[in-house]
Each structure stands twice: as structure tokens, then as C-alpha cells.
N, C-alpha and C. Protein backbone atom coordinates (compact mmCIF):
# COMPACT_ATOMS: atom_id res chain seq x y z
N ASP A 1 -0.97 27.45 15.59
CA ASP A 1 0.47 27.29 15.49
C ASP A 1 1.07 28.49 14.78
N GLN A 2 2.12 29.03 15.38
CA GLN A 2 2.87 30.10 14.76
C GLN A 2 4.31 29.65 14.65
N ARG A 3 4.97 30.09 13.61
CA ARG A 3 6.37 29.77 13.43
C ARG A 3 7.06 31.02 12.91
N LEU A 4 8.21 31.32 13.46
CA LEU A 4 9.00 32.46 13.03
C LEU A 4 10.31 31.95 12.45
N ASP A 5 10.83 32.64 11.47
CA ASP A 5 12.15 32.32 10.94
C ASP A 5 13.09 33.47 11.29
N LEU A 6 14.11 33.17 12.05
CA LEU A 6 15.04 34.16 12.56
C LEU A 6 16.46 33.79 12.21
N LEU A 7 17.34 34.76 12.21
CA LEU A 7 18.78 34.51 12.11
C LEU A 7 19.12 33.53 11.00
N ASP A 8 18.94 33.94 9.79
CA ASP A 8 19.26 33.09 8.65
C ASP A 8 18.47 31.79 8.66
N ALA A 9 17.17 31.87 8.85
CA ALA A 9 16.25 30.74 8.74
C ALA A 9 16.30 29.75 9.88
N VAL A 10 16.66 30.19 11.08
CA VAL A 10 16.54 29.33 12.26
C VAL A 10 15.07 29.35 12.68
N ALA A 11 14.45 28.20 12.83
CA ALA A 11 13.03 28.12 13.18
C ALA A 11 12.84 28.38 14.66
N ALA A 12 11.79 29.15 15.00
CA ALA A 12 11.47 29.45 16.39
C ALA A 12 9.96 29.48 16.55
N ALA A 13 9.49 29.11 17.75
CA ALA A 13 8.07 29.12 18.05
C ALA A 13 7.81 30.01 19.26
N PRO A 14 6.83 30.93 19.19
CA PRO A 14 6.52 31.77 20.34
C PRO A 14 5.75 30.99 21.41
N VAL A 15 6.10 31.24 22.67
CA VAL A 15 5.42 30.63 23.81
C VAL A 15 5.27 31.68 24.90
N THR A 16 4.42 31.40 25.88
CA THR A 16 4.34 32.21 27.09
C THR A 16 4.76 31.34 28.25
N LEU A 17 5.81 31.76 28.94
CA LEU A 17 6.31 31.01 30.09
C LEU A 17 5.56 31.45 31.33
N GLN A 18 5.06 30.50 32.10
CA GLN A 18 4.28 30.81 33.29
C GLN A 18 5.11 31.61 34.28
N THR A 19 6.33 31.19 34.54
CA THR A 19 7.21 31.87 35.49
C THR A 19 8.65 31.76 35.02
N VAL A 20 9.38 32.88 35.11
CA VAL A 20 10.83 32.88 34.89
C VAL A 20 11.45 33.49 36.13
N SER A 21 12.37 32.75 36.75
CA SER A 21 13.03 33.23 37.96
C SER A 21 14.53 33.09 37.79
N VAL A 22 15.24 34.20 37.91
CA VAL A 22 16.69 34.22 37.80
C VAL A 22 17.23 34.93 39.03
N ALA A 23 17.99 34.22 39.84
CA ALA A 23 18.61 34.80 41.04
C ALA A 23 17.58 35.51 41.92
N GLY A 24 16.38 34.95 42.03
CA GLY A 24 15.35 35.51 42.88
C GLY A 24 14.49 36.58 42.22
N ALA A 25 14.81 36.98 41.01
CA ALA A 25 14.01 37.97 40.29
C ALA A 25 12.97 37.22 39.46
N ARG A 26 11.76 37.11 40.02
CA ARG A 26 10.70 36.29 39.43
C ARG A 26 9.72 37.14 38.64
N VAL A 27 9.42 36.71 37.42
CA VAL A 27 8.46 37.39 36.55
C VAL A 27 7.52 36.33 36.01
N GLU A 28 6.22 36.64 35.96
CA GLU A 28 5.23 35.69 35.47
C GLU A 28 4.73 36.10 34.09
N GLN A 29 4.24 35.11 33.34
CA GLN A 29 3.67 35.31 32.00
C GLN A 29 4.65 36.05 31.08
N VAL A 30 5.79 35.42 30.84
CA VAL A 30 6.85 36.00 30.02
C VAL A 30 6.76 35.45 28.60
N GLU A 31 6.66 36.33 27.63
CA GLU A 31 6.67 35.91 26.23
C GLU A 31 8.09 35.51 25.85
N ALA A 32 8.22 34.39 25.13
CA ALA A 32 9.55 33.88 24.78
C ALA A 32 9.48 33.19 23.43
N LEU A 33 10.65 32.85 22.92
CA LEU A 33 10.77 32.06 21.70
C LEU A 33 11.54 30.80 22.01
N VAL A 34 11.07 29.68 21.50
CA VAL A 34 11.78 28.40 21.60
C VAL A 34 12.41 28.15 20.24
N VAL A 35 13.74 28.04 20.24
CA VAL A 35 14.49 27.86 18.99
C VAL A 35 14.85 26.39 18.86
N ALA A 36 14.54 25.83 17.70
CA ALA A 36 14.79 24.40 17.48
C ALA A 36 16.27 24.06 17.59
N GLU A 37 17.12 24.83 16.96
CA GLU A 37 18.56 24.61 17.03
C GLU A 37 19.25 25.80 16.38
N GLY A 38 20.54 25.90 16.62
CA GLY A 38 21.30 26.92 15.91
C GLY A 38 21.87 28.03 16.75
N LEU A 39 21.39 28.23 17.98
CA LEU A 39 21.97 29.26 18.83
C LEU A 39 22.92 28.62 19.83
N PRO A 40 24.13 29.13 19.97
CA PRO A 40 25.09 28.53 20.90
C PRO A 40 24.78 28.84 22.37
N HIS A 41 23.97 29.89 22.63
CA HIS A 41 23.67 30.30 24.01
C HIS A 41 22.19 30.64 24.13
N SER A 42 21.67 30.50 25.34
CA SER A 42 20.32 30.98 25.62
C SER A 42 20.38 32.49 25.80
N LEU A 43 19.30 33.18 25.48
CA LEU A 43 19.25 34.63 25.60
C LEU A 43 18.18 35.03 26.61
N LEU A 44 18.45 36.06 27.38
CA LEU A 44 17.48 36.62 28.32
C LEU A 44 17.06 37.96 27.73
N GLY A 45 15.81 38.06 27.28
CA GLY A 45 15.39 39.22 26.51
C GLY A 45 14.61 40.26 27.30
N MET A 46 14.19 41.29 26.57
CA MET A 46 13.49 42.41 27.18
C MET A 46 12.08 42.06 27.65
N SER A 47 11.49 40.98 27.16
CA SER A 47 10.18 40.59 27.68
C SER A 47 10.28 40.21 29.15
N TYR A 48 11.46 39.79 29.59
CA TYR A 48 11.73 39.52 31.01
C TYR A 48 12.38 40.74 31.67
N LEU A 49 13.48 41.20 31.12
CA LEU A 49 14.24 42.29 31.74
C LEU A 49 13.42 43.57 31.88
N GLY A 50 12.56 43.87 30.92
CA GLY A 50 11.76 45.08 30.95
C GLY A 50 10.72 45.11 32.05
N ARG A 51 10.45 43.98 32.66
CA ARG A 51 9.45 43.92 33.73
C ARG A 51 10.08 43.94 35.12
N LEU A 52 11.39 44.05 35.19
CA LEU A 52 12.08 44.22 36.47
C LEU A 52 12.06 45.70 36.85
N SER A 53 12.29 46.00 38.13
CA SER A 53 12.34 47.41 38.52
C SER A 53 13.59 48.07 37.97
N ALA A 54 14.67 47.28 37.81
CA ALA A 54 15.91 47.81 37.23
C ALA A 54 16.85 46.65 36.91
N PHE A 55 17.74 46.90 35.97
CA PHE A 55 18.83 45.97 35.70
C PHE A 55 19.99 46.76 35.13
N THR A 56 21.19 46.28 35.38
CA THR A 56 22.39 46.88 34.80
C THR A 56 23.23 45.78 34.19
N ALA A 57 23.85 46.10 33.08
CA ALA A 57 24.70 45.12 32.40
C ALA A 57 26.07 45.73 32.16
N THR A 58 27.08 44.97 32.50
CA THR A 58 28.47 45.33 32.22
C THR A 58 29.09 44.14 31.50
N PRO A 59 30.28 44.30 30.96
CA PRO A 59 30.92 43.13 30.34
C PRO A 59 31.14 41.97 31.32
N ALA A 60 31.22 42.28 32.61
CA ALA A 60 31.50 41.24 33.60
C ALA A 60 30.27 40.67 34.29
N ALA A 61 29.15 41.41 34.32
CA ALA A 61 28.01 40.94 35.12
C ALA A 61 26.69 41.57 34.66
N LEU A 62 25.62 40.87 34.99
CA LEU A 62 24.26 41.38 34.81
C LEU A 62 23.63 41.42 36.20
N THR A 63 23.21 42.60 36.65
CA THR A 63 22.60 42.77 37.97
C THR A 63 21.11 43.00 37.79
N LEU A 64 20.29 42.17 38.45
CA LEU A 64 18.84 42.24 38.35
C LEU A 64 18.25 42.78 39.64
N ARG A 65 17.23 43.66 39.52
CA ARG A 65 16.49 44.14 40.68
C ARG A 65 15.01 43.88 40.43
N PRO A 66 14.42 42.96 41.23
CA PRO A 66 13.00 42.60 41.02
C PRO A 66 12.06 43.79 41.16
């Protein structure tokens, strides 16, 4: 068991997700954190985005290229 304390003592546990698929951009074995509570939104991090061929982010949209 591992536990991390983030963002002013919000508890989080590291996991490996078998598959993450967003708009057809599928990545396997993605390292992630499960946060018990305290974050108003889910986050899509570099453990996923960094394994795509490309991505672009603007204030209006996030474009993923598998």
C-alpha cells in the first residue's frame, strides 16, 4: 500500500489503469492517482498525454492524436 498526500493534505493512492480511452485515443497501462476527495474536476495527466503521438491544448479545446 502506498499513499500520497497532495494539495494541502488531500489523500491519493497510485494505481495503474489497464486502459484509458478518450475520443478514440486509447493508451494501456497508464499510471494514475485516485483521490479520495477534494478535487472539483478530474485531471488528464502526462502519464496519458505523453504517450500519444501528439496533442494540442487551447483555452477552448484539447485535441488528441493517438
